[in-house]
Amino acid sequence: TWGTISLLQGDIKSVEKNIEKHKAEAQGLNRSIAGEQDRGAELLSRIDQLDKQLASLERTIFASQNDLSDLKGKHIALIDANEDILERIEVYKQHIETLLGENDEILQELERMSEQDERCRQILQRTDRIMELKKKAEARIRTSYQNVQVTISRKSAK
């Protein structure tokens, strides 16, 4: 019985050592669990922070998509307006070509009229010169006739 008691006391010591060992392991596991819980809390906080950033980015993306859609609409409207302007420019170019053609015709006619006007001036200048020559000739003839009359009357008077 002493032997049994001694064995039992050895078993008790062994069991106490195992209990201490398990307590130490339990304390280590508790510390590890507490660390994991802290890490889990940190990860949950980080997940919450990332969810907020994601929500903010999604709102920004949605706003950017709306802006892009608006800009696409404005771009299409500007393209249409540009096409209209280009069509008008083409029509104006054709009108300008027509006006230039008309101007060329008018300038040619004015040139012909100017040439005719110059010829008329030359003719009128000749006519004026002829009239001047005629007046001088008539004046000379009158003077000469008067001389003839004076000479005839002198000879008749003698």
C-alpha atoms as a PDB file:
ATOM      1  CA  THR A   1       0.000   0.000   0.000  1.00  0.00           C
ATOM      2  CA  TRP A   2       2.889   2.203   0.581  1.00  0.00           C
ATOM      3  CA  GLY A   3       3.955   1.218  -2.852  1.00  0.00           C
ATOM      4  CA  THR A   4       0.575   1.944  -4.217  1.00  0.00           C
ATOM      5  CA  ILE A   5       0.465   5.255  -2.448  1.00  0.00           C
ATOM      6  CA  SER A   6       3.890   6.073  -3.706  1.00  0.00           C
ATOM      7  CA  LEU A   7       2.806   5.094  -7.204  1.00  0.00           C
ATOM      8  CA  LEU A   8      -0.312   7.126  -6.822  1.00  0.00           C
ATOM      9  CA  GLN A   9       1.680  10.068  -5.529  1.00  0.00           C
ATOM     10  CA  GLY A  10       4.004   9.734  -8.545  1.00  0.00           C
ATOM     11  CA  ASP A  11       0.946   9.602 -10.802  1.00  0.00           C
ATOM     12  CA  ILE A  12      -0.481  12.632  -9.007  1.00  0.00           C
ATOM     13  CA  LYS A  13       2.786  14.487  -9.529  1.00  0.00           C
ATOM     14  CA  SER A  14       2.794  13.410 -13.153  1.00  0.00           C
ATOM     15  CA  VAL A  15      -0.833  14.457 -13.538  1.00  0.00           C
ATOM     16  CA  GLU A  16      -0.060  17.772 -11.772  1.00  0.00           C
ATOM     17  CA  LYS A  17       2.840  18.294 -14.175  1.00  0.00           C
ATOM     18  CA  ASN A  18       0.516  17.510 -17.060  1.00  0.00           C
ATOM     19  CA  ILE A  19      -2.070  19.878 -15.609  1.00  0.00           C
ATOM     20  CA  GLU A  20       0.573  22.599 -15.282  1.00  0.00           C
ATOM     21  CA  LYS A  21       1.760  21.831 -18.797  1.00  0.00           C
ATOM     22  CA  HIS A  22      -1.820  21.969 -20.092  1.00  0.00           C
ATOM     23  CA  LYS A  23      -2.489  25.140 -18.101  1.00  0.00           C
ATOM     24  CA  ALA A  24       0.617  26.695 -19.665  1.00  0.00           C
ATOM     25  CA  GLU A  25      -0.552  25.494 -23.077  1.00  0.00           C
ATOM     26  CA  ALA A  26      -4.055  26.819 -22.331  1.00  0.00           C
ATOM     27  CA  GLN A  27      -2.604  30.174 -21.264  1.00  0.00           C
ATOM     28  CA  GLY A  28      -0.490  30.260 -24.466  1.00  0.00           C
ATOM     29  CA  LEU A  29      -3.575  29.338 -26.489  1.00  0.00           C
ATOM     30  CA  ASN A  30      -5.614  32.003 -24.660  1.00  0.00           C
ATOM     31  CA  ARG A  31      -2.906  34.561 -25.423  1.00  0.00           C
ATOM     32  CA  SER A  32      -2.838  33.335 -29.020  1.00  0.00           C
ATOM     33  CA  ILE A  33      -6.653  33.522 -29.188  1.00  0.00           C
ATOM     34  CA  ALA A  34      -6.549  37.050 -27.704  1.00  0.00           C
ATOM     35  CA  GLY A  35      -3.902  38.004 -30.282  1.00  0.00           C
ATOM     36  CA  GLU A  36      -5.993  36.461 -33.065  1.00  0.00           C
ATOM     37  CA  GLN A  37      -9.061  38.273 -31.766  1.00  0.00           C
ATOM     38  CA  ASP A  38      -7.098  41.536 -31.759  1.00  0.00           C
ATOM     39  CA  ARG A  39      -5.833  40.729 -35.248  1.00  0.00           C
ATOM     40  CA  GLY A  40      -9.395  39.829 -36.294  1.00  0.00           C
ATOM     41  CA  ALA A  41     -10.651  43.140 -34.868  1.00  0.00           C
ATOM     42  CA  GLU A  42      -7.892  44.976 -36.761  1.00  0.00           C
ATOM     43  CA  LEU A  43      -8.789  43.090 -39.949  1.00  0.00           C
ATOM     44  CA  LEU A  44     -12.496  43.865 -39.465  1.00  0.00           C
ATOM     45  CA  SER A  45     -11.580  47.532 -38.969  1.00  0.00           C
ATOM     46  CA  ARG A  46      -9.416  47.416 -42.115  1.00  0.00           C
ATOM     47  CA  ILE A  47     -12.242  45.667 -44.024  1.00  0.00           C
ATOM     48  CA  ASP A  48     -14.673  48.363 -42.848  1.00  0.00           C
ATOM     49  CA  GLN A  49     -12.201  51.075 -43.922  1.00  0.00           C
ATOM     50  CA  LEU A  50     -11.714  49.398 -47.324  1.00  0.00           C
ATOM     51  CA  ASP A  51     -15.516  49.019 -47.720  1.00  0.00           C
ATOM     52  CA  LYS A  52     -15.860  52.768 -47.125  1.00  0.00           C
ATOM     53  CA  GLN A  53     -13.094  53.496 -49.667  1.00  0.00           C
ATOM     54  CA  LEU A  54     -14.751  51.126 -52.146  1.00  0.00           C
ATOM     55  CA  ALA A  55     -18.116  52.836 -51.656  1.00  0.00           C
ATOM     56  CA  SER A  56     -16.450  56.234 -52.175  1.00  0.00           C
ATOM     57  CA  LEU A  57     -14.692  54.989 -55.324  1.00  0.00           C
ATOM     58  CA  GLU A  58     -17.944  53.503 -56.628  1.00  0.00           C
ATOM     59  CA  ARG A  59     -19.668  56.869 -56.122  1.00  0.00           C
ATOM     60  CA  THR A  60     -16.774  58.601 -57.905  1.00  0.00           C
ATOM     61  CA  ILE A  61     -16.915  56.075 -60.761  1.00  0.00           C
ATOM     62  CA  PHE A  62     -20.689  56.494 -61.047  1.00  0.00           C
ATOM     63  CA  ALA A  63     -20.324  60.300 -61.129  1.00  0.00           C
ATOM     64  CA  SER A  64     -17.533  59.979 -63.707  1.00  0.00           C
ATOM     65  CA  GLN A  65     -19.691  57.673 -65.825  1.00  0.00           C
ATOM     66  CA  ASN A  66     -22.512  60.230 -65.692  1.00  0.00           C
ATOM     67  CA  ASP A  67     -20.081  62.996 -66.644  1.00  0.00           C
ATOM     68  CA  LEU A  68     -18.735  60.842 -69.462  1.00  0.00           C
ATOM     69  CA  SER A  69     -22.252  60.166 -70.694  1.00  0.00           C
ATOM     70  CA  ASP A  70     -23.025  63.900 -70.611  1.00  0.00           C
ATOM     71  CA  LEU A  71     -19.775  64.685 -72.429  1.00  0.00           C
ATOM     72  CA  LYS A  72     -20.537  62.054 -75.074  1.00  0.00           C
ATOM     73  CA  GLY A  73     -23.911  63.691 -75.661  1.00  0.00           C
ATOM     74  CA  LYS A  74     -22.296  67.117 -75.931  1.00  0.00           C
ATOM     75  CA  HIS A  75     -19.616  65.675 -78.221  1.00  0.00           C
ATOM     76  CA  ILE A  76     -22.257  64.231 -80.545  1.00  0.00           C
ATOM     77  CA  ALA A  77     -24.128  67.550 -80.510  1.00  0.00           C
ATOM     78  CA  LEU A  78     -20.896  69.394 -81.366  1.00  0.00           C
ATOM     79  CA  ILE A  79     -20.160  66.959 -84.193  1.00  0.00           C
ATOM     80  CA  ASP A  80     -23.661  67.600 -85.589  1.00  0.00           C
ATOM     81  CA  ALA A  81     -23.211  71.347 -85.219  1.00  0.00           C
ATOM     82  CA  ASN A  82     -19.797  71.114 -86.878  1.00  0.00           C
ATOM     83  CA  GLU A  83     -21.277  69.190 -89.812  1.00  0.00           C
ATOM     84  CA  ASP A  84     -23.966  71.867 -90.174  1.00  0.00           C
ATOM     85  CA  ILE A  85     -21.317  74.585 -90.110  1.00  0.00           C
ATOM     86  CA  LEU A  86     -19.228  72.741 -92.705  1.00  0.00           C
ATOM     87  CA  GLU A  87     -22.293  72.428 -94.952  1.00  0.00           C
ATOM     88  CA  ARG A  88     -22.960  76.166 -94.564  1.00  0.00           C
ATOM     89  CA  ILE A  89     -19.327  76.938 -95.340  1.00  0.00           C
ATOM     90  CA  GLU A  90     -19.592  74.857 -98.508  1.00  0.00           C
ATOM     91  CA  VAL A  91     -22.778  76.698 -99.544  1.00  0.00           C
ATOM     92  CA  TYR A  92     -21.095  80.050 -98.794  1.00  0.00           C
ATOM     93  CA  LYS A  93     -18.053  79.016-100.837  1.00  0.00           C
ATOM     94  CA  GLN A  94     -20.308  78.202-103.782  1.00  0.00           C
ATOM     95  CA  HIS A  95     -22.091  81.538-103.339  1.00  0.00           C
ATOM     96  CA  ILE A  96     -18.738  83.334-103.220  1.00  0.00           C
ATOM     97  CA  GLU A  97     -17.694  81.572-106.435  1.00  0.00           C
ATOM     98  CA  THR A  98     -20.937  82.734-108.061  1.00  0.00           C
ATOM     99  CA  LEU A  99     -20.354  86.302-106.849  1.00  0.00           C
ATOM    100  CA  LEU A 100     -16.756  86.227-108.074  1.00  0.00           C
ATOM    101  CA  GLY A 101     -17.971  85.088-111.488  1.00  0.00           C
ATOM    102  CA  GLU A 102     -20.509  87.910-111.551  1.00  0.00           C
ATOM    103  CA  ASN A 103     -17.831  90.383-110.468  1.00  0.00           C
ATOM    104  CA  ASP A 104     -15.555  89.202-113.283  1.00  0.00           C
ATOM    105  CA  GLU A 105     -18.351  89.738-115.809  1.00  0.00           C
ATOM    106  CA  ILE A 106     -19.110  93.184-114.374  1.00  0.00           C
ATOM    107  CA  LEU A 107     -15.408  94.126-114.421  1.00  0.00           C
ATOM    108  CA  GLN A 108     -15.106  93.028-118.049  1.00  0.00           C
ATOM    109  CA  GLU A 109     -18.171  95.091-118.954  1.00  0.00           C
ATOM    110  CA  LEU A 110     -16.788  98.087-117.043  1.00  0.00           C
ATOM    111  CA  GLU A 111     -13.485  97.672-118.879  1.00  0.00           C
ATOM    112  CA  ARG A 112     -15.324  97.675-122.236  1.00  0.00           C
ATOM    113  CA  MET A 113     -17.329 100.703-121.138  1.00  0.00           C
ATOM    114  CA  SER A 114     -14.145 102.460-120.052  1.00  0.00           C
ATOM    115  CA  GLU A 115     -12.542 101.738-123.414  1.00  0.00           C
ATOM    116  CA  GLN A 116     -15.648 103.006-125.204  1.00  0.00           C
ATOM    117  CA  ASP A 117     -15.688 106.068-122.959  1.00  0.00           C
ATOM    118  CA  GLU A 118     -12.058 106.764-123.844  1.00  0.00           C
ATOM    119  CA  ARG A 119     -12.807 106.445-127.568  1.00  0.00           C
ATOM    120  CA  CYS A 120     -15.763 108.815-127.162  1.00  0.00           C
ATOM    121  CA  ARG A 121     -13.482 111.313-125.404  1.00  0.00           C
ATOM    122  CA  GLN A 122     -10.984 111.063-128.223  1.00  0.00           C
ATOM    123  CA  ILE A 123     -13.752 111.584-130.789  1.00  0.00           C
ATOM    124  CA  LEU A 124     -15.103 114.513-128.802  1.00  0.00           C
ATOM    125  CA  GLN A 125     -11.629 115.967-128.540  1.00  0.00           C
ATOM    126  CA  ARG A 126     -11.298 115.644-132.325  1.00  0.00           C
ATOM    127  CA  THR A 127     -14.697 117.235-132.774  1.00  0.00           C
ATOM    128  CA  ASP A 128     -13.676 120.062-130.458  1.00  0.00           C
ATOM    129  CA  ARG A 129     -10.433 120.451-132.404  1.00  0.00           C
ATOM    130  CA  ILE A 130     -12.341 120.427-135.702  1.00  0.00           C
ATOM    131  CA  MET A 131     -14.746 123.048-134.351  1.00  0.00           C
ATOM    132  CA  GLU A 132     -11.788 125.127-133.223  1.00  0.00           C
ATOM    133  CA  LEU A 133     -10.113 124.760-136.615  1.00  0.00           C
ATOM    134  CA  LYS A 134     -13.417 125.624-138.322  1.00  0.00           C
ATOM    135  CA  LYS A 135     -13.789 128.775-136.215  1.00  0.00           C
ATOM    136  CA  LYS A 136     -10.206 129.816-136.977  1.00  0.00           C
ATOM    137  CA  ALA A 137     -10.702 129.066-140.658  1.00  0.00           C
ATOM    138  CA  GLU A 138     -13.967 131.023-140.733  1.00  0.00           C
ATOM    139  CA  ALA A 139     -12.289 133.900-138.928  1.00  0.00           C
ATOM    140  CA  ARG A 140      -9.417 133.870-141.438  1.00  0.00           C
ATOM    141  CA  ILE A 141     -11.859 133.606-144.342  1.00  0.00           C
ATOM    142  CA  ARG A 142     -13.874 136.552-142.986  1.00  0.00           C
ATOM    143  CA  THR A 143     -10.720 138.531-142.501  1.00  0.00           C
ATOM    144  CA  SER A 144      -9.531 137.592-145.990  1.00  0.00           C
ATOM    145  CA  TYR A 145     -12.975 138.383-147.470  1.00  0.00           C
ATOM    146  CA  GLN A 146     -12.988 141.705-145.731  1.00  0.00           C
ATOM    147  CA  ASN A 147      -9.554 142.375-147.197  1.00  0.00           C
ATOM    148  CA  VAL A 148     -10.880 141.410-150.619  1.00  0.00           C
ATOM    149  CA  GLN A 149     -13.887 143.720-150.108  1.00  0.00           C
ATOM    150  CA  VAL A 150     -11.661 146.527-148.950  1.00  0.00           C
ATOM    151  CA  THR A 151      -9.341 146.019-151.934  1.00  0.00           C
ATOM    152  CA  ILE A 152     -12.275 145.846-154.418  1.00  0.00           C
ATOM    153  CA  SER A 153     -13.855 148.934-152.963  1.00  0.00           C
ATOM    154  CA  ARG A 154     -10.571 150.835-153.215  1.00  0.00           C
ATOM    155  CA  LYS A 155     -10.080 149.835-156.792  1.00  0.00           C
ATOM    156  CA  SER A 156     -13.622 150.736-157.665  1.00  0.00           C
ATOM    157  CA  ALA A 157     -13.224 154.068-155.973  1.00  0.00           C
ATOM    158  CA  LYS A 158     -10.229 154.980-157.978  1.00  0.00           C
END
